[in-house]
C-alpha cells in the first residue's frame, strides 16, 4: 500500500514509514503543496495512493466521488 501524506503531515514521515509502506510520498515532495484537495484526490487515485490526512474534506469526497 502506498500512502500520500497531505500537507498537514510532515514530509519527514515518509522516510519513517518506508519499511512498512514503500513508495509512499507527501504532497509537497511532489510539488502538490499548493494544490487544492480535489487535485490531490485525483492525483492519488491516478497513481495508486491512499491519502493520509488530518483534514475531514477527503472523507467527504469518499462519499461523493468515485474512489475505486
C-alpha atoms as a PDB file:
ATOM      1  CA  UNK A   1       0.000   0.000   0.000  1.00  0.00           C
ATOM      2  CA  UNK A   2       1.327   3.441  -0.973  1.00  0.00           C
ATOM      3  CA  UNK A   3       0.433   6.384   1.228  1.00  0.00           C
ATOM      4  CA  UNK A   4       0.163  10.001   0.154  1.00  0.00           C
ATOM      5  CA  UNK A   5       0.585  12.278   3.147  1.00  0.00           C
ATOM      6  CA  UNK A   6      -1.346  15.510   2.967  1.00  0.00           C
ATOM      7  CA  UNK A   7       0.252  18.906   3.506  1.00  0.00           C
ATOM      8  CA  UNK A   8      -0.751  18.863   7.178  1.00  0.00           C
ATOM      9  CA  UNK A   9       1.583  15.897   7.834  1.00  0.00           C
ATOM     10  CA  UNK A  10       5.345  16.255   7.795  1.00  0.00           C
ATOM     11  CA  UNK A  11       7.344  15.094   4.790  1.00  0.00           C
ATOM     12  CA  UNK A  12       9.759  13.561   7.333  1.00  0.00           C
ATOM     13  CA  UNK A  13       7.237  10.799   7.987  1.00  0.00           C
ATOM     14  CA  UNK A  14       7.807   9.357   4.502  1.00  0.00           C
ATOM     15  CA  UNK A  15      11.229   8.005   5.462  1.00  0.00           C
ATOM     16  CA  UNK A  16       9.933   6.651   8.773  1.00  0.00           C
ATOM     17  CA  UNK A  17       7.064   4.831   7.049  1.00  0.00           C
ATOM     18  CA  UNK A  18       9.175   3.392   4.220  1.00  0.00           C
ATOM     19  CA  UNK A  19       9.737  -0.035   5.793  1.00  0.00           C
ATOM     20  CA  UNK A  20       6.008  -0.767   6.016  1.00  0.00           C
ATOM     21  CA  UNK A  21       4.684   1.495   3.249  1.00  0.00           C
ATOM     22  CA  UNK A  22       7.297   1.645   0.477  1.00  0.00           C
ATOM     23  CA  UNK A  23       6.825   4.169  -2.343  1.00  0.00           C
ATOM     24  CA  UNK A  24       4.793   6.468  -0.128  1.00  0.00           C
ATOM     25  CA  UNK A  25       5.127  10.208  -0.553  1.00  0.00           C
ATOM     26  CA  UNK A  26       3.982  13.600   0.697  1.00  0.00           C
ATOM     27  CA  UNK A  27       2.232  16.249  -1.371  1.00  0.00           C
ATOM     28  CA  UNK A  28       4.917  18.927  -1.016  1.00  0.00           C
ATOM     29  CA  UNK A  29       7.586  16.465  -2.182  1.00  0.00           C
ATOM     30  CA  UNK A  30       5.509  16.002  -5.349  1.00  0.00           C
ATOM     31  CA  UNK A  31       5.117  19.768  -5.912  1.00  0.00           C
ATOM     32  CA  UNK A  32       1.439  19.494  -4.957  1.00  0.00           C
ATOM     33  CA  UNK A  33       1.759  21.540  -1.780  1.00  0.00           C
ATOM     34  CA  UNK A  34      -0.245  24.453  -3.183  1.00  0.00           C
ATOM     35  CA  UNK A  35      -2.818  22.234  -4.895  1.00  0.00           C
ATOM     36  CA  UNK A  36      -6.433  22.082  -3.828  1.00  0.00           C
ATOM     37  CA  UNK A  37      -7.822  18.947  -2.200  1.00  0.00           C
ATOM     38  CA  UNK A  38      -9.604  17.778  -5.342  1.00  0.00           C
ATOM     39  CA  UNK A  39      -6.382  17.890  -7.364  1.00  0.00           C
ATOM     40  CA  UNK A  40      -4.622  15.869  -4.668  1.00  0.00           C
ATOM     41  CA  UNK A  41      -7.545  13.414  -4.598  1.00  0.00           C
ATOM     42  CA  UNK A  42      -7.342  12.902  -8.366  1.00  0.00           C
ATOM     43  CA  UNK A  43      -3.546  12.537  -8.259  1.00  0.00           C
ATOM     44  CA  UNK A  44      -3.781   9.929  -5.517  1.00  0.00           C
ATOM     45  CA  UNK A  45      -6.400   7.959  -7.419  1.00  0.00           C
ATOM     46  CA  UNK A  46      -4.460   8.072 -10.696  1.00  0.00           C
ATOM     47  CA  UNK A  47      -1.235   6.940  -9.011  1.00  0.00           C
ATOM     48  CA  UNK A  48      -2.477   4.275  -6.608  1.00  0.00           C
ATOM     49  CA  UNK A  49      -2.083   6.210  -3.355  1.00  0.00           C
ATOM     50  CA  UNK A  50      -4.179   6.116  -0.205  1.00  0.00           C
ATOM     51  CA  UNK A  51      -4.454   9.598   1.298  1.00  0.00           C
ATOM     52  CA  UNK A  52      -3.459  10.155   4.919  1.00  0.00           C
ATOM     53  CA  UNK A  53      -4.637  13.467   6.337  1.00  0.00           C
ATOM     54  CA  UNK A  54      -5.965  15.291   9.356  1.00  0.00           C
ATOM     55  CA  UNK A  55      -8.459  17.090   7.108  1.00  0.00           C
ATOM     56  CA  UNK A  56     -12.128  15.953   7.008  1.00  0.00           C
ATOM     57  CA  UNK A  57     -12.560  17.078   3.381  1.00  0.00           C
ATOM     58  CA  UNK A  58     -11.108  13.884   1.947  1.00  0.00           C
ATOM     59  CA  UNK A  59     -13.507  11.773   3.971  1.00  0.00           C
ATOM     60  CA  UNK A  60     -16.385  13.774   2.490  1.00  0.00           C
ATOM     61  CA  UNK A  61     -15.014  13.201  -1.040  1.00  0.00           C
ATOM     62  CA  UNK A  62     -15.098   9.465  -0.422  1.00  0.00           C
ATOM     63  CA  UNK A  63     -18.878   9.659  -0.061  1.00  0.00           C
ATOM     64  CA  UNK A  64     -19.474  11.901  -3.059  1.00  0.00           C
ATOM     65  CA  UNK A  65     -16.878  10.760  -5.621  1.00  0.00           C
ATOM     66  CA  UNK A  66     -15.816   7.526  -7.246  1.00  0.00           C
ATOM     67  CA  UNK A  67     -12.789   6.346  -5.270  1.00  0.00           C
ATOM     68  CA  UNK A  68     -12.438   2.874  -6.715  1.00  0.00           C
END
